[in-house]
Structures are given as C-alpha cells and as structure tokens.
Protein backbone atom coordinates (compact mmCIF):
# COMPACT_ATOMS: atom_id res chain seq x y z
CA MET A 1 0.00 0.00 0.00
CA ARG A 2 2.79 2.37 0.87
CA ARG A 3 4.58 1.53 -2.36
CA CYS A 4 1.46 2.21 -4.38
CA ALA A 5 0.93 5.58 -2.69
CA LEU A 6 4.60 6.47 -3.18
CA LEU A 7 4.39 5.51 -6.86
CA ILE A 8 1.27 7.66 -7.36
CA ALA A 9 2.96 10.63 -5.61
CA VAL A 10 6.04 10.34 -7.85
CA ILE A 11 3.87 10.20 -11.02
CA CYS A 12 1.85 13.24 -9.92
CA LEU A 13 5.03 15.18 -9.11
CA ALA A 14 6.59 14.34 -12.49
CA ALA A 15 3.40 15.37 -14.31
CA GLY A 16 3.29 18.66 -12.40
CA MET A 17 6.91 19.42 -13.26
CA ALA A 18 6.27 18.71 -16.96
CA ALA A 19 3.29 21.07 -17.03
CA ALA A 20 5.06 23.89 -15.13
CA GLU A 21 5.76 27.07 -17.07
CA SER A 22 9.10 28.79 -17.03
CA LEU A 23 9.49 31.84 -14.82
CA TRP A 24 11.99 33.26 -17.35
CA ASN A 25 10.54 35.73 -19.84
CA GLU A 26 12.41 35.14 -23.11
CA ASN A 27 11.80 38.72 -24.26
CA SER A 28 13.42 40.12 -21.13
CA ALA A 29 17.07 41.19 -21.14
CA SER A 30 17.40 40.02 -17.52
CA PRO A 31 15.23 37.98 -15.14
CA TYR A 32 15.65 40.80 -12.62
CA ALA A 33 14.56 43.57 -15.02
CA PRO A 34 11.44 42.49 -16.88
CA THR A 35 10.47 44.41 -20.00
CA LYS A 36 8.26 47.38 -19.24
CA ALA A 37 5.21 47.99 -21.41
CA TYR A 38 5.76 51.42 -22.97
CA LYS A 39 2.95 53.50 -24.42
CA LEU A 40 2.57 56.73 -26.40
CA GLY A 41 3.89 59.74 -24.56
CA ASP A 42 6.30 57.85 -22.30
CA ILE A 43 9.71 59.47 -21.93
CA ILE A 44 13.02 57.66 -22.49
CA ASN A 45 16.43 59.19 -21.77
CA VAL A 46 18.83 58.90 -24.71
CA VAL A 47 22.55 59.07 -23.95
CA ILE A 48 24.22 60.37 -27.10
CA LEU A 49 27.77 59.12 -27.54
CA GLU A 50 28.74 59.67 -31.16
CA ASN A 51 32.31 59.76 -32.39
CA THR A 52 32.65 59.51 -36.16
CA SER A 53 35.52 60.08 -38.54
CA ALA A 54 35.77 59.71 -42.28
CA LYS A 55 38.60 60.07 -44.74
CA ASN A 56 38.35 60.10 -48.50
CA SER A 57 41.19 60.50 -50.96
CA ALA A 58 41.43 60.24 -54.73
CA THR A 59 44.28 60.50 -57.22
CA THR A 60 43.85 60.77 -60.98
CA LYS A 61 46.64 60.77 -63.56
CA SER A 62 46.43 60.56 -67.32
CA ASN A 63 49.10 60.82 -70.00
CA VAL A 64 48.21 60.71 -73.69
CA THR A 65 50.74 61.12 -76.52
CA ASP A 66 49.89 61.09 -80.24
CA ASN A 67 52.54 60.96 -83.00
CA LEU A 68 51.69 61.58 -86.64
CA GLY A 69 54.02 61.27 -89.64
CA VAL A 70 53.29 61.85 -93.34
CA LYS A 71 55.69 61.35 -96.26
CA PHE A 72 54.95 62.32 -99.87
CA THR A 73 57.20 61.39 -102.79
CA HIS A 74 56.64 62.12 -106.50
CA THR A 75 58.59 61.96 -109.73
CA LEU A 76 56.71 64.54 -111.77
CA GLN A 77 59.20 67.08 -113.11
CA LYS A 78 56.52 69.73 -113.66
CA LEU A 79 55.70 69.76 -109.94
CA ALA A 80 59.34 69.82 -108.84
CA PRO A 81 59.63 73.65 -108.78
CA ILE A 82 56.45 73.94 -106.74
CA ILE A 83 56.66 70.87 -104.51
CA SER A 84 59.87 69.11 -103.64
CA THR A 85 60.16 65.53 -104.81
CA ASN A 86 60.58 64.23 -101.27
CA VAL A 87 58.27 65.89 -98.72
CA SER A 88 57.75 64.68 -95.16
CA MET A 89 55.87 66.06 -92.17
CA VAL A 90 56.05 64.94 -88.57
CA GLY A 91 53.79 66.08 -85.75
CA SER A 92 53.13 65.07 -82.18
CA ALA A 93 50.67 66.06 -79.49
CA SER A 94 50.59 65.18 -75.82
CA ASN A 95 48.13 65.73 -73.02
CA GLN A 96 48.90 65.21 -69.36
CA PHE A 97 46.64 65.57 -66.36
CA SER A 98 47.28 65.00 -62.69
CA GLY A 99 44.85 65.63 -59.86
CA ASP A 100 44.77 64.88 -56.13
CA GLY A 101 41.96 65.40 -53.69
CA SER A 102 41.28 64.41 -50.10
CA THR A 103 38.75 65.16 -47.39
CA VAL A 104 38.95 64.43 -43.67
CA ARG A 105 36.00 64.93 -41.36
CA GLY A 106 35.42 64.10 -37.71
CA ASN A 107 32.51 64.64 -35.31
CA ASN A 108 32.21 64.13 -31.59
CA VAL A 109 28.84 64.59 -29.86
CA THR A 110 28.17 63.79 -26.22
CA ALA A 111 24.81 64.68 -24.70
CA ARG A 112 21.83 63.32 -22.80
CA ILE A 113 18.30 64.19 -23.91
CA ALA A 114 14.79 63.01 -23.18
CA ALA A 115 12.75 61.58 -26.04
CA TRP A 116 9.04 60.84 -26.33
CA VAL A 117 7.57 57.57 -27.53
CA VAL A 118 5.66 58.73 -30.61
CA ASP A 119 4.57 55.28 -31.84
CA VAL A 120 4.49 51.68 -30.64
CA LEU A 121 5.13 49.46 -33.66
CA PRO A 122 3.33 46.13 -34.15
CA ASN A 123 6.48 44.17 -33.19
CA GLY A 124 6.71 46.11 -29.90
CA ASN A 125 9.55 48.43 -30.92
CA LEU A 126 9.23 52.10 -30.04
CA ALA A 127 9.51 55.06 -32.41
CA ILE A 128 11.05 57.95 -30.46
CA LYS A 129 11.60 61.65 -31.05
CA GLY A 130 13.47 64.08 -28.83
CA ARG A 131 14.66 67.66 -28.93
CA HIS A 132 16.92 69.55 -26.55
CA ARG A 133 17.54 73.28 -26.87
CA VAL A 134 20.04 75.31 -24.84
CA ASN A 135 20.39 79.09 -25.02
CA VAL A 136 23.44 80.65 -23.32
CA ASN A 137 24.75 84.19 -23.97
CA ASP A 138 22.73 84.58 -27.17
CA GLU A 139 24.14 81.27 -28.44
CA GLU A 140 21.49 78.66 -29.18
CA GLN A 141 22.25 74.98 -29.65
CA GLU A 142 19.59 72.46 -30.59
CA ILE A 143 19.94 68.66 -30.65
CA THR A 144 17.24 66.49 -32.19
CA ILE A 145 17.08 62.71 -32.45
CA THR A 146 14.56 60.35 -34.03
CA GLY A 147 14.65 56.59 -34.50
CA THR A 148 13.44 53.21 -33.30
CA VAL A 149 14.33 51.50 -30.02
CA ARG A 150 13.81 47.93 -28.81
CA PRO A 151 12.28 47.90 -25.31
CA LYS A 152 14.80 45.30 -24.14
CA ASP A 153 17.66 47.70 -24.96
CA ILE A 154 16.30 50.24 -22.47
CA ALA A 155 18.17 49.89 -19.19
CA GLY A 156 16.53 49.76 -15.78
CA SER A 157 17.40 53.45 -15.33
CA ASN A 158 15.17 54.22 -18.35
CA THR A 159 18.17 55.07 -20.57
CA VAL A 160 19.29 53.89 -23.97
CA TYR A 161 22.49 54.71 -25.87
CA SER A 162 22.29 56.46 -29.22
CA TYR A 163 24.15 53.60 -30.93
CA GLN A 164 21.25 51.32 -29.91
CA VAL A 165 18.73 53.49 -31.77
CA ALA A 166 17.90 52.02 -35.18
CA ASP A 167 17.48 54.37 -38.14
CA ALA A 168 18.80 57.14 -35.90
CA GLN A 169 18.77 60.67 -37.26
CA LEU A 170 20.82 62.97 -35.06
CA THR A 171 21.00 66.68 -35.82
CA VAL A 172 23.06 69.28 -33.97
CA ASN A 173 22.51 72.92 -34.96
CA GLY A 174 23.93 76.07 -33.46
CA THR A 175 23.19 79.74 -34.05
CA GLY A 176 24.67 82.91 -32.63
CA ALA A 177 27.73 85.14 -32.83
CA VAL A 178 30.27 82.34 -32.34
CA SER A 179 28.61 80.14 -34.97
CA GLU A 180 28.49 83.04 -37.43
CA THR A 181 32.17 83.91 -36.99
CA ALA A 182 33.07 80.27 -37.66
CA GLN A 183 31.36 80.51 -41.08
CA PRO A 184 33.33 81.83 -44.10
CA GLY A 185 32.33 85.30 -45.30
CA TRP A 186 30.05 85.86 -48.28
CA LEU A 187 32.98 86.90 -50.52
CA THR A 188 34.88 83.71 -49.70
CA ARG A 189 31.75 81.64 -50.35
CA LEU A 190 31.28 83.40 -53.69
CA PHE A 191 34.87 82.65 -54.76
CA ASN A 192 34.52 79.02 -53.63
CA TRP A 193 31.31 78.73 -55.64
CA ILE A 194 32.93 80.21 -58.78
CA PHE A 195 36.18 78.26 -58.53
C-alpha cells in the first residue's frame, strides 16, 4: 500500500513538473529587469555618444601622346619647282593631367536628452523623437534625435544609448555670434562657388 501511494505521488510530481511554465521571460534582457510595457507619450532618456571620422582621398593621372608622320614622294618634273620631290611632315601632341583630392572629417557629440515615444510598432519596438535646446549668452544649440528602439535595450534606469537606436537621425545645430564667426564670409563663399 505504501509503495502504491509512493508511486502515485512520484507520477503526480513528475506530471506537475512537466506542465510547469518557465518563470523566465524570453523577451526580457534580464530575469531581474522584466520588459516594461511602454505607451505613447512615455519618456526615455537617450545618452548620445557619437564619435565619427571619415577620410576620403582620390588620385587621378592621365598621360596621352599622339605621334603623326606623313611622307609624300613624287617623280613629276613639272611639280618639282612647286613641290619638292621628297616631302615629309612629322607632328606630335601630348596631353597630361594629374589631380589629387582628399577630405577628412570628424565629429564628436556627447549629450543626454529626453525623447518621447511617438509610436508603438506592431512588433513592440518604439519610435522615439526628442529635442533639446540650450540658449546661453545669445548662443542657441539644438539637438534632435529620431529613431526606433527595442524595449529590451532600455536599461533599468530608463536610458538607452544612441548607438542602440535604429534608423537614428541625429542633428546638432547652433546659431549665434560664435557660430556666425566660424562661417566663411560671403565673398569667400562666392569665390569658392565660382572656382
């Protein structure tokens, strides 16, 4: 009787273990930080750490040489006073071109801005948009960012890095006296446009 009861208890325990669901949420980045359900209007802090550099160089060289030679010989005595009996002409032309060009550009942007959730996509990803404007001593700087974020990339502190934002469009604009003095003058721009 005891054996039968023990056998039934073991079978029930095994069946219960087989039917148990996992406590681990596969969509969660960590079992200790479950994915939060975001909705329209929620705010996410975006930490912008962008450091880009690009270099482009091109070299073009061409060298073309053409040689042309013509020789005319005749034995007509009547033409001898006008045209020599043995006439030859030689000509050559050459064209050379050499050009070098290079561009080097680097950008470094570090900031932290708040962005709104403007859309929750069908797959659960979040479309975000944020703008941060600072005005100091008549100098205005504006940073805007738009893109798509996966909820599991958002840390427990409600922050996400800019390199985790898909289709990110980051714009940094500045206006004011310092920005204007950094621009070339209108005469320089005119000469650059002409030449």
